Amino acid sequence: QLQLVESGGGLVQPGGSLRLSCRVSGFTLAGYAIAWFRQAPGKEREGVSCTSANGYSPIYADSVKGRFTISRHSAKNTVYLEMISLKPEDTAVYYCARTRSNEFCGNPILPSEFGYWGQGTQVTVSS
């Protein structure tokens, strides 16, 4: 059964850091692009970062460039999102998603290109 399960969210103060994990099962990470999205209340889902099947040339939204880093660990079937210098505007539910069949990330990162989603993990940045 194909699954993506996020973890690692929580409450953090501005300037703090978190590492999100997306553990996948039912398919091989090496065959697909994986992305992180986020959705804040009342806002559209936003593509944050994407890693292609080969792990090269990750894509980042302008709002997170220099602060977020995406990586994949094939042996652990896990994709990570390392977040530093967090801001209150980073507060959202974060989702990981897999493309339907593409190995490469598009730019911008569009939800319509991803067919499989996790349940999400809440990130709250507040003092």
PDB file of N, CA and C in Angstrom:
ATOM      1  N   GLN A   1       0.847  -1.191   0.000  1.00  0.00           N
ATOM      2  CA  GLN A   1       0.000   0.000   0.000  1.00  0.00           C
ATOM      3  C   GLN A   1       0.888   1.249   0.000  1.00  0.00           C
ATOM      4  N   LEU A   2       0.616   2.160  -0.925  1.00  0.00           N
ATOM      5  CA  LEU A   2       1.401   3.375  -1.058  1.00  0.00           C
ATOM      6  C   LEU A   2       1.040   4.334   0.067  1.00  0.00           C
ATOM      7  N   GLN A   3       2.044   4.784   0.808  1.00  0.00           N
ATOM      8  CA  GLN A   3       1.802   5.718   1.912  1.00  0.00           C
ATOM      9  C   GLN A   3       2.926   6.727   2.031  1.00  0.00           C
ATOM     10  N   LEU A   4       2.563   7.921   2.472  1.00  0.00           N
ATOM     11  CA  LEU A   4       3.516   8.949   2.859  1.00  0.00           C
ATOM     12  C   LEU A   4       3.083   9.432   4.243  1.00  0.00           C
ATOM     13  N   VAL A   5       3.998   9.417   5.186  1.00  0.00           N
ATOM     14  CA  VAL A   5       3.671   9.787   6.559  1.00  0.00           C
ATOM     15  C   VAL A   5       4.653  10.839   7.045  1.00  0.00           C
ATOM     16  N   GLU A   6       4.108  12.027   7.349  1.00  0.00           N
ATOM     17  CA  GLU A   6       4.938  13.125   7.829  1.00  0.00           C
ATOM     18  C   GLU A   6       5.046  13.088   9.351  1.00  0.00           C
ATOM     19  N   SER A   7       6.157  13.611   9.840  1.00  0.00           N
ATOM     20  CA  SER A   7       6.355  13.774  11.280  1.00  0.00           C
ATOM     21  C   SER A   7       7.356  14.888  11.508  1.00  0.00           C
ATOM     22  N   GLY A   8       7.452  15.332  12.766  1.00  0.00           N
ATOM     23  CA  GLY A   8       8.463  16.319  13.125  1.00  0.00           C
ATOM     24  C   GLY A   8       7.944  17.723  13.335  1.00  0.00           C
ATOM     25  N   GLY A   9       6.673  17.948  13.089  1.00  0.00           N
ATOM     26  CA  GLY A   9       6.118  19.276  13.311  1.00  0.00           C
ATOM     27  C   GLY A   9       6.030  19.599  14.793  1.00  0.00           C
ATOM     28  N   GLY A  10       5.683  20.853  15.077  1.00  0.00           N
ATOM     29  CA  GLY A  10       5.553  21.259  16.465  1.00  0.00           C
ATOM     30  C   GLY A  10       5.538  22.758  16.604  1.00  0.00           C
ATOM     31  N   LEU A  11       5.659  23.203  17.844  1.00  0.00           N
ATOM     32  CA  LEU A  11       5.688  24.634  18.170  1.00  0.00           C
ATOM     33  C   LEU A  11       7.137  25.052  18.368  1.00  0.00           C
ATOM     34  N   VAL A  12       7.527  26.126  17.699  1.00  0.00           N
ATOM     35  CA  VAL A  12       8.897  26.616  17.797  1.00  0.00           C
ATOM     36  C   VAL A  12       8.870  28.137  17.831  1.00  0.00           C
ATOM     37  N   GLN A  13       9.834  28.722  18.502  1.00  0.00           N
ATOM     38  CA  GLN A  13       9.915  30.182  18.562  1.00  0.00           C
ATOM     39  C   GLN A  13      10.508  30.740  17.274  1.00  0.00           C
ATOM     40  N   PRO A  14      10.183  31.979  16.942  1.00  0.00           N
ATOM     41  CA  PRO A  14      10.820  32.611  15.772  1.00  0.00           C
ATOM     42  C   PRO A  14      12.343  32.525  15.867  1.00  0.00           C
ATOM     43  N   GLY A  15      12.963  32.207  14.742  1.00  0.00           N
ATOM     44  CA  GLY A  15      14.398  32.010  14.709  1.00  0.00           C
ATOM     45  C   GLY A  15      14.835  30.590  14.982  1.00  0.00           C
ATOM     46  N   GLY A  16      13.896  29.750  15.401  1.00  0.00           N
ATOM     47  CA  GLY A  16      14.211  28.377  15.720  1.00  0.00           C
ATOM     48  C   GLY A  16      14.267  27.483  14.492  1.00  0.00           C
ATOM     49  N   SER A  17      14.414  26.189  14.731  1.00  0.00           N
ATOM     50  CA  SER A  17      14.536  25.237  13.633  1.00  0.00           C
ATOM     51  C   SER A  17      13.738  23.974  13.914  1.00  0.00           C
ATOM     52  N   LEU A  18      13.399  23.283  12.850  1.00  0.00           N
ATOM     53  CA  LEU A  18      12.714  21.997  12.916  1.00  0.00           C
ATOM     54  C   LEU A  18      13.170  21.156  11.740  1.00  0.00           C
ATOM     55  N   ARG A  19      13.076  19.844  11.897  1.00  0.00           N
ATOM     56  CA  ARG A  19      13.304  18.935  10.785  1.00  0.00           C
ATOM     57  C   ARG A  19      12.076  18.068  10.607  1.00  0.00           C
ATOM     58  N   LEU A  20      11.463  18.192   9.443  1.00  0.00           N
ATOM     59  CA  LEU A  20      10.315  17.356   9.104  1.00  0.00           C
ATOM     60  C   LEU A  20      10.790  16.107   8.377  1.00  0.00           C
ATOM     61  N   SER A  21      10.083  15.015   8.613  1.00  0.00           N
ATOM     62  CA  SER A  21      10.382  13.752   7.937  1.00  0.00           C
ATOM     63  C   SER A  21       9.154  13.285   7.178  1.00  0.00           C
ATOM     64  N   CYS A  22       9.395  12.684   6.037  1.00  0.00           N
ATOM     65  CA  CYS A  22       8.328  12.070   5.234  1.00  0.00           C
ATOM     66  C   CYS A  22       8.776  10.643   4.937  1.00  0.00           C
ATOM     67  N   ARG A  23       8.207   9.709   5.665  1.00  0.00           N
ATOM     68  CA  ARG A  23       8.563   8.309   5.450  1.00  0.00           C
ATOM     69  C   ARG A  23       7.582   7.718   4.463  1.00  0.00           C
ATOM     70  N   VAL A  24       8.118   7.087   3.425  1.00  0.00           N
ATOM     71  CA  VAL A  24       7.270   6.537   2.368  1.00  0.00           C
ATOM     72  C   VAL A  24       7.316   5.026   2.393  1.00  0.00           C
ATOM     73  N   SER A  25       6.263   4.423   1.886  1.00  0.00           N
ATOM     74  CA  SER A  25       6.215   2.979   1.748  1.00  0.00           C
ATOM     75  C   SER A  25       5.352   2.628   0.545  1.00  0.00           C
ATOM     76  N   GLY A  26       5.558   1.423   0.012  1.00  0.00           N
ATOM     77  CA  GLY A  26       4.774   0.976  -1.119  1.00  0.00           C
ATOM     78  C   GLY A  26       5.346   1.370  -2.469  1.00  0.00           C
ATOM     79  N   PHE A  27       6.467   2.091  -2.480  1.00  0.00           N
ATOM     80  CA  PHE A  27       7.133   2.425  -3.733  1.00  0.00           C
ATOM     81  C   PHE A  27       8.583   2.772  -3.436  1.00  0.00           C
ATOM     82  N   THR A  28       9.372   2.855  -4.515  1.00  0.00           N
ATOM     83  CA  THR A  28      10.792   3.156  -4.385  1.00  0.00           C
ATOM     84  C   THR A  28      11.025   4.650  -4.553  1.00  0.00           C
ATOM     85  N   LEU A  29      11.682   5.250  -3.554  1.00  0.00           N
ATOM     86  CA  LEU A  29      11.956   6.683  -3.615  1.00  0.00           C
ATOM     87  C   LEU A  29      12.695   7.076  -4.884  1.00  0.00           C
ATOM     88  N   ALA A  30      13.561   6.218  -5.353  1.00  0.00           N
ATOM     89  CA  ALA A  30      14.438   6.555  -6.468  1.00  0.00           C
ATOM     90  C   ALA A  30      13.680   6.809  -7.763  1.00  0.00           C
ATOM     91  N   GLY A  31      12.419   6.445  -7.809  1.00  0.00           N
ATOM     92  CA  GLY A  31      11.700   6.553  -9.068  1.00  0.00           C
ATOM     93  C   GLY A  31      10.851   7.793  -9.251  1.00  0.00           C
ATOM     94  N   TYR A  32      10.761   8.628  -8.197  1.00  0.00           N
ATOM     95  CA  TYR A  32       9.787   9.720  -8.245  1.00  0.00           C
ATOM     96  C   TYR A  32      10.309  10.989  -7.589  1.00  0.00           C
ATOM     97  N   ALA A  33       9.760  12.113  -8.057  1.00  0.00           N
ATOM     98  CA  ALA A  33      10.004  13.379  -7.381  1.00  0.00           C
ATOM     99  C   ALA A  33       9.100  13.448  -6.149  1.00  0.00           C
ATOM    100  N   ILE A  34       9.650  14.010  -5.090  1.00  0.00           N
ATOM    101  CA  ILE A  34       8.913  14.200  -3.838  1.00  0.00           C
ATOM    102  C   ILE A  34       8.982  15.673  -3.467  1.00  0.00           C
ATOM    103  N   ALA A  35       7.860  16.220  -3.039  1.00  0.00           N
ATOM    104  CA  ALA A  35       7.811  17.639  -2.687  1.00  0.00           C
ATOM    105  C   ALA A  35       7.204  17.836  -1.308  1.00  0.00           C
ATOM    106  N   TRP A  36       7.545  18.975  -0.742  1.00  0.00           N
ATOM    107  CA  TRP A  36       6.887  19.473   0.472  1.00  0.00           C
ATOM    108  C   TRP A  36       6.010  20.658   0.083  1.00  0.00           C
ATOM    109  N   PHE A  37       4.791  20.626   0.578  1.00  0.00           N
ATOM    110  CA  PHE A  37       3.850  21.731   0.425  1.00  0.00           C
ATOM    111  C   PHE A  37       3.464  22.217   1.819  1.00  0.00           C
ATOM    112  N   ARG A  38       2.873  23.395   1.871  1.00  0.00           N
ATOM    113  CA  ARG A  38       2.298  23.871   3.124  1.00  0.00           C
ATOM    114  C   ARG A  38       1.019  24.630   2.830  1.00  0.00           C
ATOM    115  N   GLN A  39       0.158  24.630   3.826  1.00  0.00           N
ATOM    116  CA  GLN A  39      -1.105  25.343   3.697  1.00  0.00           C
ATOM    117  C   GLN A  39      -1.454  25.990   5.023  1.00  0.00           C
ATOM    118  N   ALA A  40      -1.535  27.307   5.003  1.00  0.00           N
ATOM    119  CA  ALA A  40      -1.946  28.071   6.176  1.00  0.00           C
ATOM    120  C   ALA A  40      -3.446  28.310   6.099  1.00  0.00           C
ATOM    121  N   PRO A  41      -4.115  28.557   7.224  1.00  0.00           N
ATOM    122  CA  PRO A  41      -5.566  28.786   7.217  1.00  0.00           C
ATOM    123  C   PRO A  41      -5.939  29.915   6.274  1.00  0.00           C
ATOM    124  N   GLY A  42      -6.904  29.646   5.409  1.00  0.00           N
ATOM    125  CA  GLY A  42      -7.399  30.664   4.501  1.00  0.00           C
ATOM    126  C   GLY A  42      -6.521  30.919   3.295  1.00  0.00           C
ATOM    127  N   LYS A  43      -5.458  30.137   3.148  1.00  0.00           N
ATOM    128  CA  LYS A  43      -4.538  30.339   2.019  1.00  0.00           C
ATOM    129  C   LYS A  43      -4.472  29.091   1.147  1.00  0.00           C
ATOM    130  N   GLU A  44      -4.023  29.278  -0.076  1.00  0.00           N
ATOM    131  CA  GLU A  44      -3.862  28.156  -0.983  1.00  0.00           C
ATOM    132  C   GLU A  44      -2.634  27.323  -0.597  1.00  0.00           C
ATOM    133  N   ARG A  45      -2.673  26.060  -1.017  1.00  0.00           N
ATOM    134  CA  ARG A  45      -1.531  25.191  -0.766  1.00  0.00           C
ATOM    135  C   ARG A  45      -0.336  25.684  -1.590  1.00  0.00           C
ATOM    136  N   GLU A  46       0.803  25.789  -0.944  1.00  0.00           N
ATOM    137  CA  GLU A  46       2.011  26.353  -1.565  1.00  0.00           C
ATOM    138  C   GLU A  46       3.102  25.307  -1.663  1.00  0.00           C
ATOM    139  N   GLY A  47       3.697  25.180  -2.821  1.00  0.00           N
ATOM    140  CA  GLY A  47       4.851  24.304  -2.980  1.00  0.00           C
ATOM    141  C   GLY A  47       6.068  24.929  -2.346  1.00  0.00           C
ATOM    142  N   VAL A  48       6.692  24.241  -1.417  1.00  0.00           N
ATOM    143  CA  VAL A  48       7.818  24.765  -0.657  1.00  0.00           C
ATOM    144  C   VAL A  48       9.141  24.302  -1.237  1.00  0.00           C
ATOM    145  N   SER A  49       9.245  23.001  -1.498  1.00  0.00           N
ATOM    146  CA  SER A  49      10.498  22.450  -1.994  1.00  0.00           C
ATOM    147  C   SER A  49      10.235  21.122  -2.665  1.00  0.00           C
ATOM    148  N   CYS A  50      11.118  20.747  -3.587  1.00  0.00           N
ATOM    149  CA  CYS A  50      10.942  19.499  -4.317  1.00  0.00           C
ATOM    150  C   CYS A  50      12.301  18.885  -4.618  1.00  0.00           C
ATOM    151  N   THR A  51      12.377  17.566  -4.503  1.00  0.00           N
ATOM    152  CA  THR A  51      13.590  16.839  -4.861  1.00  0.00           C
ATOM    153  C   THR A  51      13.266  15.837  -5.958  1.00  0.00           C
ATOM    154  N   SER A  52      14.011  15.899  -7.027  1.00  0.00           N
ATOM    155  CA  SER A  52      13.798  14.976  -8.135  1.00  0.00           C
ATOM    156  C   SER A  52      14.292  13.572  -7.762  1.00  0.00           C
ATOM    157  N   ALA A  53      13.937  12.614  -8.574  1.00  0.00           N
ATOM    158  CA  ALA A  53      14.268  11.218  -8.280  1.00  0.00           C
ATOM    159  C   ALA A  53      15.768  11.002  -8.104  1.00  0.00           C
ATOM    160  N   ASN A  54      16.573  11.750  -8.848  1.00  0.00           N
ATOM    161  CA  ASN A  54      18.025  11.580  -8.749  1.00  0.00           C
ATOM    162  C   ASN A  54      18.636  12.407  -7.616  1.00  0.00           C
ATOM    163  N   GLY A  55      17.821  13.194  -6.952  1.00  0.00           N
ATOM    164  CA  GLY A  55      18.297  13.968  -5.805  1.00  0.00           C
ATOM    165  C   GLY A  55      19.059  15.233  -6.142  1.00  0.00           C
ATOM    166  N   TYR A  56      19.250  15.495  -7.432  1.00  0.00           N
ATOM    167  CA  TYR A  56      20.009  16.675  -7.825  1.00  0.00           C
ATOM    168  C   TYR A  56      19.092  17.880  -8.027  1.00  0.00           C
ATOM    169  N   SER A  57      19.700  19.085  -7.949  1.00  0.00           N
ATOM    170  CA  SER A  57      19.021  20.350  -8.271  1.00  0.00           C
ATOM    171  C   SER A  57      17.656  20.491  -7.618  1.00  0.00           C
ATOM    172  N   PRO A  58      17.598  20.482  -6.303  1.00  0.00           N
ATOM    173  CA  PRO A  58      16.308  20.686  -5.641  1.00  0.00           C
ATOM    174  C   PRO A  58      15.735  22.059  -5.948  1.00  0.00           C
ATOM    175  N   ILE A  59      14.431  22.148  -5.856  1.00  0.00           N
ATOM    176  CA  ILE A  59      13.703  23.382  -6.123  1.00  0.00           C
ATOM    177  C   ILE A  59      13.198  23.941  -4.801  1.00  0.00           C
ATOM    178  N   TYR A  60      13.275  25.257  -4.647  1.00  0.00           N
ATOM    179  CA  TYR A  60      12.758  25.925  -3.451  1.00  0.00           C
ATOM    180  C   TYR A  60      11.908  27.114  -3.841  1.00  0.00           C
ATOM    181  N   ALA A  61      10.837  27.327  -3.080  1.00  0.00           N
ATOM    182  CA  ALA A  61      10.074  28.559  -3.227  1.00  0.00           C
ATOM    183  C   ALA A  61      10.936  29.728  -2.756  1.00  0.00           C
ATOM    184  N   ASP A  62      10.731  30.895  -3.361  1.00  0.00           N
ATOM    185  CA  ASP A  62      11.523  32.071  -2.985  1.00  0.00           C
ATOM    186  C   ASP A  62      11.407  32.382  -1.497  1.00  0.00           C
ATOM    187  N   SER A  63      10.249  32.106  -0.932  1.00  0.00           N
ATOM    188  CA  SER A  63       9.991  32.451   0.469  1.00  0.00           C
ATOM    189  C   SER A  63      10.830  31.633   1.453  1.00  0.00           C
ATOM    190  N   VAL A  64      11.414  30.527   0.994  1.00  0.00           N
ATOM    191  CA  VAL A  64      12.172  29.673   1.917  1.00  0.00           C
ATOM    192  C   VAL A  64      13.624  29.469   1.494  1.00  0.00           C
ATOM    193  N   LYS A  65      14.013  30.031   0.369  1.00  0.00           N
ATOM    194  CA  LYS A  65      15.390  29.851  -0.111  1.00  0.00           C
ATOM    195  C   LYS A  65      16.390  30.347   0.920  1.00  0.00           C
ATOM    196  N   GLY A  66      17.412  29.539   1.146  1.00  0.00           N
ATOM    197  CA  GLY A  66      18.439  29.892   2.117  1.00  0.00           C
ATOM    198  C   GLY A  66      18.095  29.489   3.536  1.00  0.00           C
ATOM    199  N   ARG A  67      16.844  29.072   3.780  1.00  0.00           N
ATOM    200  CA  ARG A  67      16.427  28.680   5.131  1.00  0.00           C
ATOM    201  C   ARG A  67      16.016  27.214   5.207  1.00  0.00           C
ATOM    202  N   PHE A  68      15.473  26.678   4.126  1.00  0.00           N
ATOM    203  CA  PHE A  68      15.000  25.297   4.110  1.00  0.00           C
ATOM    204  C   PHE A  68      15.914  24.457   3.222  1.00  0.00           C
ATOM    205  N   THR A  69      16.114  23.204   3.609  1.00  0.00           N
ATOM    206  CA  THR A  69      16.910  22.273   2.821  1.00  0.00           C
ATOM    207  C   THR A  69      16.173  20.945   2.737  1.00  0.00           C
ATOM    208  N   ILE A  70      15.978  20.476   1.512  1.00  0.00           N
ATOM    209  CA  ILE A  70      15.330  19.178   1.298  1.00  0.00           C
ATOM    210  C   ILE A  70      16.402  18.134   1.008  1.00  0.00           C
ATOM    211  N   SER A  71      16.192  16.933   1.515  1.00  0.00           N
ATOM    212  CA  SER A  71      17.141  15.850   1.252  1.00  0.00           C
ATOM    213  C   SER A  71      16.382  14.528   1.279  1.00  0.00           C
ATOM    214  N   ARG A  72      16.987  13.517   0.690  1.00  0.00           N
ATOM    215  CA  ARG A  72      16.361  12.198   0.691  1.00  0.00           C
ATOM    216  C   ARG A  72      17.371  11.155   1.140  1.00  0.00           C
ATOM    217  N   HIS A  73      16.873  10.187   1.893  1.00  0.00           N
ATOM    218  CA  HIS A  73      17.698   9.082   2.370  1.00  0.00           C
ATOM    219  C   HIS A  73      17.034   7.811   1.858  1.00  0.00           C
ATOM    220  N   SER A  74      17.529   7.307   0.746  1.00  0.00           N
ATOM    221  CA  SER A  74      16.867   6.186   0.085  1.00  0.00           C
ATOM    222  C   SER A  74      16.809   4.943   0.969  1.00  0.00           C
ATOM    223  N   ALA A  75      17.878   4.674   1.704  1.00  0.00           N
ATOM    224  CA  ALA A  75      17.906   3.462   2.531  1.00  0.00           C
ATOM    225  C   ALA A  75      16.842   3.507   3.627  1.00  0.00           C
ATOM    226  N   LYS A  76      16.494   4.715   4.053  1.00  0.00           N
ATOM    227  CA  LYS A  76      15.464   4.868   5.090  1.00  0.00           C
ATOM    228  C   LYS A  76      14.104   5.189   4.491  1.00  0.00           C
ATOM    229  N   ASN A  77      14.021   5.250   3.158  1.00  0.00           N
ATOM    230  CA  ASN A  77      12.754   5.585   2.494  1.00  0.00           C
ATOM    231  C   ASN A  77      12.153   6.868   3.052  1.00  0.00           C
ATOM    232  N   THR A  78      13.009   7.846   3.271  1.00  0.00           N
ATOM    233  CA  THR A  78      12.570   9.070   3.939  1.00  0.00           C
ATOM    234  C   THR A  78      13.102  10.304   3.222  1.00  0.00           C
ATOM    235  N   VAL A  79      12.252  11.310   3.141  1.00  0.00           N
ATOM    236  CA  VAL A  79      12.628  12.624   2.633  1.00  0.00           C
ATOM    237  C   VAL A  79      12.510  13.602   3.796  1.00  0.00           C
ATOM    238  N   TYR A  80      13.514  14.445   3.938  1.00  0.00           N
ATOM    239  CA  TYR A  80      13.557  15.392   5.042  1.00  0.00           C
ATOM    240  C   TYR A  80      13.387  16.823   4.541  1.00  0.00           C
ATOM    241  N   LEU A  81      12.897  17.677   5.430  1.00  0.00           N
ATOM    242  CA  LEU A  81      12.886  19.110   5.188  1.00  0.00           C
ATOM    243  C   LEU A  81      13.463  19.768   6.432  1.00  0.00           C
ATOM    244  N   GLU A  82      14.686  20.237   6.310  1.00  0.00           N
ATOM    245  CA  GLU A  82      15.359  20.938   7.396  1.00  0.00           C
ATOM    246  C   GLU A  82      15.004  22.412   7.299  1.00  0.00           C
ATOM    247  N   MET A  83      14.464  22.955   8.382  1.00  0.00           N
ATOM    248  CA  MET A  83      13.992  24.345   8.382  1.00  0.00           C
ATOM    249  C   MET A  83      14.718  25.111   9.485  1.00  0.00           C
ATOM    250  N   ILE A  84      15.370  26.199   9.113  1.00  0.00           N
ATOM    251  CA  ILE A  84      16.051  27.046  10.083  1.00  0.00           C
ATOM    252  C   ILE A  84      15.525  28.476   9.957  1.00  0.00           C
ATOM    253  N   SER A  85      15.902  29.313  10.919  1.00  0.00           N
ATOM    254  CA  SER A  85      15.484  30.725  10.914  1.00  0.00           C
ATOM    255  C   SER A  85      13.990  30.856  10.651  1.00  0.00           C
ATOM    256  N   LEU A  86      13.216  30.064  11.358  1.00  0.00           N
ATOM    257  CA  LEU A  86      11.776  30.038  11.127  1.00  0.00           C
ATOM    258  C   LEU A  86      11.117  31.355  11.499  1.00  0.00           C
ATOM    259  N   LYS A  87      10.092  31.693  10.738  1.00  0.00           N
ATOM    260  CA  LYS A  87       9.352  32.940  10.909  1.00  0.00           C
ATOM    261  C   LYS A  87       7.892  32.614  11.202  1.00  0.00           C
ATOM    262  N   PRO A  88       7.162  33.536  11.825  1.00  0.00           N
ATOM    263  CA  PRO A  88       5.733  33.284  12.068  1.00  0.00           C
ATOM    264  C   PRO A  88       4.972  32.966  10.777  1.00  0.00           C
ATOM    265  N   GLU A  89       5.377  33.535   9.669  1.00  0.00           N
ATOM    266  CA  GLU A  89       4.690  33.268   8.403  1.00  0.00           C
ATOM    267  C   GLU A  89       4.958  31.873   7.847  1.00  0.00           C
ATOM    268  N   ASP A  90       5.844  31.123   8.478  1.00  0.00           N
ATOM    269  CA  ASP A  90       6.048  29.724   8.102  1.00  0.00           C
ATOM    270  C   ASP A  90       5.014  28.803   8.754  1.00  0.00           C
ATOM    271  N   THR A  91       4.199  29.350   9.632  1.00  0.00           N
ATOM    272  CA  THR A  91       3.172  28.563  10.300  1.00  0.00           C
ATOM    273  C   THR A  91       2.174  28.008   9.287  1.00  0.00           C
ATOM    274  N   ALA A  92       1.993  26.696   9.302  1.00  0.00           N
ATOM    275  CA  ALA A  92       1.106  26.033   8.342  1.00  0.00           C
ATOM    276  C   ALA A  92       1.095  24.539   8.640  1.00  0.00           C
ATOM    277  N   VAL A  93       0.200  23.851   7.976  1.00  0.00           N
ATOM    278  CA  VAL A  93       0.276  22.390   7.923  1.00  0.00           C
ATOM    279  C   VAL A  93       1.179  22.041   6.736  1.00  0.00           C
ATOM    280  N   TYR A  94       2.169  21.199   6.991  1.00  0.00           N
ATOM    281  CA  TYR A  94       3.129  20.812   5.968  1.00  0.00           C
ATOM    282  C   TYR A  94       2.813  19.390   5.495  1.00  0.00           C
ATOM    283  N   TYR A  95       2.773  19.230   4.175  1.00  0.00           N
ATOM    284  CA  TYR A  95       2.465  17.957   3.554  1.00  0.00           C
ATOM    285  C   TYR A  95       3.621  17.528   2.648  1.00  0.00           C
ATOM    286  N   CYS A  96       3.874  16.230   2.598  1.00  0.00           N
ATOM    287  CA  CYS A  96       4.754  15.731   1.551  1.00  0.00           C
ATOM    288  C   CYS A  96       3.887  15.025   0.511  1.00  0.00           C
ATOM    289  N   ALA A  97       4.392  14.994  -0.705  1.00  0.00           N
ATOM    290  CA  ALA A  97       3.610  14.449  -1.803  1.00  0.00           C
ATOM    291  C   ALA A  97       4.531  13.827  -2.849  1.00  0.00           C
ATOM    292  N   ARG A  98       3.986  12.859  -3.582  1.00  0.00           N
ATOM    293  CA  ARG A  98       4.723  12.187  -4.641  1.00  0.00           C
ATOM    294  C   ARG A  98       4.078  12.463  -5.980  1.00  0.00           C
ATOM    295  N   THR A  99       4.905  12.638  -7.001  1.00  0.00           N
ATOM    296  CA  THR A  99       4.355  12.804  -8.334  1.00  0.00           C
ATOM    297  C   THR A  99       3.652  11.526  -8.778  1.00  0.00           C
ATOM    298  N   ARG A 100       2.744  11.681  -9.740  1.00  0.00           N
ATOM    299  CA  ARG A 100       2.047  10.507 -10.262  1.00  0.00           C
ATOM    300  C   ARG A 100       3.021   9.579 -10.968  1.00  0.00           C
ATOM    301  N   SER A 101       3.920  10.182 -11.784  1.00  0.00           N
ATOM    302  CA  SER A 101       4.883   9.340 -12.491  1.00  0.00           C
ATOM    303  C   SER A 101       6.187  10.072 -12.812  1.00  0.00           C
ATOM    304  N   ASN A 102       6.216  11.402 -12.664  1.00  0.00           N
ATOM    305  CA  ASN A 102       7.400  12.163 -13.045  1.00  0.00           C
ATOM    306  C   ASN A 102       8.575  11.912 -12.127  1.00  0.00           C
ATOM    307  N   GLU A 103       9.753  11.885 -12.715  1.00  0.00           N
ATOM    308  CA  GLU A 103      10.977  11.779 -11.930  1.00  0.00           C
ATOM    309  C   GLU A 103      11.513  13.151 -11.552  1.00  0.00           C
ATOM    310  N   PHE A 104      11.058  14.191 -12.264  1.00  0.00           N
ATOM    311  CA  PHE A 104      11.647  15.502 -12.080  1.00  0.00           C
ATOM    312  C   PHE A 104      10.628  16.492 -11.518  1.00  0.00           C
ATOM    313  N   CYS A 105      11.158  17.496 -10.838  1.00  0.00           N
ATOM    314  CA  CYS A 105      10.335  18.532 -10.258  1.00  0.00           C
ATOM    315  C   CYS A 105      10.059  19.612 -11.286  1.00  0.00           C
ATOM    316  N   GLY A 106       8.849  20.132 -11.259  1.00  0.00           N
ATOM    317  CA  GLY A 106       8.549  21.307 -12.044  1.00  0.00           C
ATOM    318  C   GLY A 106       8.837  22.561 -11.229  1.00  0.00           C
ATOM    319  N   ASN A 107       8.942  23.683 -11.901  1.00  0.00           N
ATOM    320  CA  ASN A 107       9.164  24.953 -11.233  1.00  0.00           C
ATOM    321  C   ASN A 107       8.276  25.997 -11.884  1.00  0.00           C
ATOM    322  N   PRO A 108       7.247  26.501 -11.206  1.00  0.00           N
ATOM    323  CA  PRO A 108       6.972  26.308  -9.775  1.00  0.00           C
ATOM    324  C   PRO A 108       6.463  24.909  -9.449  1.00  0.00           C
ATOM    325  N   ILE A 109       6.409  24.617  -8.170  1.00  0.00           N
ATOM    326  CA  ILE A 109       5.961  23.311  -7.685  1.00  0.00           C
ATOM    327  C   ILE A 109       4.442  23.376  -7.562  1.00  0.00           C
ATOM    328  N   LEU A 110       3.755  22.646  -8.421  1.00  0.00           N
ATOM    329  CA  LEU A 110       2.293  22.742  -8.497  1.00  0.00           C
ATOM    330  C   LEU A 110       1.624  21.521  -7.888  1.00  0.00           C
ATOM    331  N   PRO A 111       0.622  21.722  -7.031  1.00  0.00           N
ATOM    332  CA  PRO A 111      -0.081  20.584  -6.425  1.00  0.00           C
ATOM    333  C   PRO A 111      -0.679  19.628  -7.462  1.00  0.00           C
ATOM    334  N   SER A 112      -1.076  20.149  -8.596  1.00  0.00           N
ATOM    335  CA  SER A 112      -1.732  19.315  -9.616  1.00  0.00           C
ATOM    336  C   SER A 112      -0.809  18.236 -10.179  1.00  0.00           C
ATOM    337  N   GLU A 113       0.499  18.398 -10.004  1.00  0.00           N
ATOM    338  CA  GLU A 113       1.449  17.423 -10.536  1.00  0.00           C
ATOM    339  C   GLU A 113       1.720  16.275  -9.563  1.00  0.00           C
ATOM    340  N   PHE A 114       1.093  16.328  -8.405  1.00  0.00           N
ATOM    341  CA  PHE A 114       1.339  15.328  -7.362  1.00  0.00           C
ATOM    342  C   PHE A 114       0.045  14.584  -7.059  1.00  0.00           C
ATOM    343  N   GLY A 115       0.131  13.265  -7.096  1.00  0.00           N
ATOM    344  CA  GLY A 115      -1.077  12.468  -6.970  1.00  0.00           C
ATOM    345  C   GLY A 115      -1.224  11.745  -5.650  1.00  0.00           C
ATOM    346  N   TYR A 116      -0.187  11.773  -4.824  1.00  0.00           N
ATOM    347  CA  TYR A 116      -0.216  11.016  -3.568  1.00  0.00           C
ATOM    348  C   TYR A 116       0.292  11.928  -2.455  1.00  0.00           C
ATOM    349  N   TRP A 117      -0.475  11.970  -1.373  1.00  0.00           N
ATOM    350  CA  TRP A 117      -0.229  12.930  -0.311  1.00  0.00           C
ATOM    351  C   TRP A 117      -0.220  12.260   1.057  1.00  0.00           C
ATOM    352  N   GLY A 118       0.568  12.848   1.958  1.00  0.00           N
ATOM    353  CA  GLY A 118       0.498  12.443   3.347  1.00  0.00           C
ATOM    354  C   GLY A 118      -0.617  13.185   4.059  1.00  0.00           C
ATOM    355  N   GLN A 119      -0.734  12.930   5.356  1.00  0.00           N
ATOM    356  CA  GLN A 119      -1.824  13.521   6.133  1.00  0.00           C
ATOM    357  C   GLN A 119      -1.471  14.897   6.677  1.00  0.00           C
ATOM    358  N   GLY A 120      -0.209  15.262   6.662  1.00  0.00           N
ATOM    359  CA  GLY A 120       0.224  16.580   7.101  1.00  0.00           C
ATOM    360  C   GLY A 120       0.723  16.599   8.535  1.00  0.00           C
ATOM    361  N   THR A 121       1.570  17.591   8.825  1.00  0.00           N
ATOM    362  CA  THR A 121       2.063  17.814  10.178  1.00  0.00           C
ATOM    363  C   THR A 121       2.076  19.319  10.437  1.00  0.00           C
ATOM    364  N   GLN A 122       1.595  19.713  11.605  1.00  0.00           N
ATOM    365  CA  GLN A 122       1.440  21.134  11.918  1.00  0.00           C
ATOM    366  C   GLN A 122       2.763  21.726  12.371  1.00  0.00           C
ATOM    367  N   VAL A 123       3.104  22.873  11.796  1.00  0.00           N
ATOM    368  CA  VAL A 123       4.255  23.666  12.239  1.00  0.00           C
ATOM    369  C   VAL A 123       3.729  25.021  12.681  1.00  0.00           C
ATOM    370  N   THR A 124       4.022  25.383  13.909  1.00  0.00           N
ATOM    371  CA  THR A 124       3.592  26.671  14.451  1.00  0.00           C
ATOM    372  C   THR A 124       4.822  27.421  14.939  1.00  0.00           C
ATOM    373  N   VAL A 125       5.006  28.617  14.394  1.00  0.00           N
ATOM    374  CA  VAL A 125       6.132  29.461  14.785  1.00  0.00           C
ATOM    375  C   VAL A 125       5.573  30.656  15.546  1.00  0.00           C
ATOM    376  N   SER A 126       5.816  30.678  16.823  1.00  0.00           N
ATOM    377  CA  SER A 126       5.226  31.713  17.666  1.00  0.00           C
ATOM    378  C   SER A 126       6.031  31.857  18.954  1.00  0.00           C
ATOM    379  N   SER A 127       6.052  33.086  19.457  1.00  0.00           N
ATOM    380  CA  SER A 127       6.702  33.328  20.739  1.00  0.00           C
ATOM    381  C   SER A 127       5.692  33.253  21.879  1.00  0.00           C
TER     382      SER A 127
END
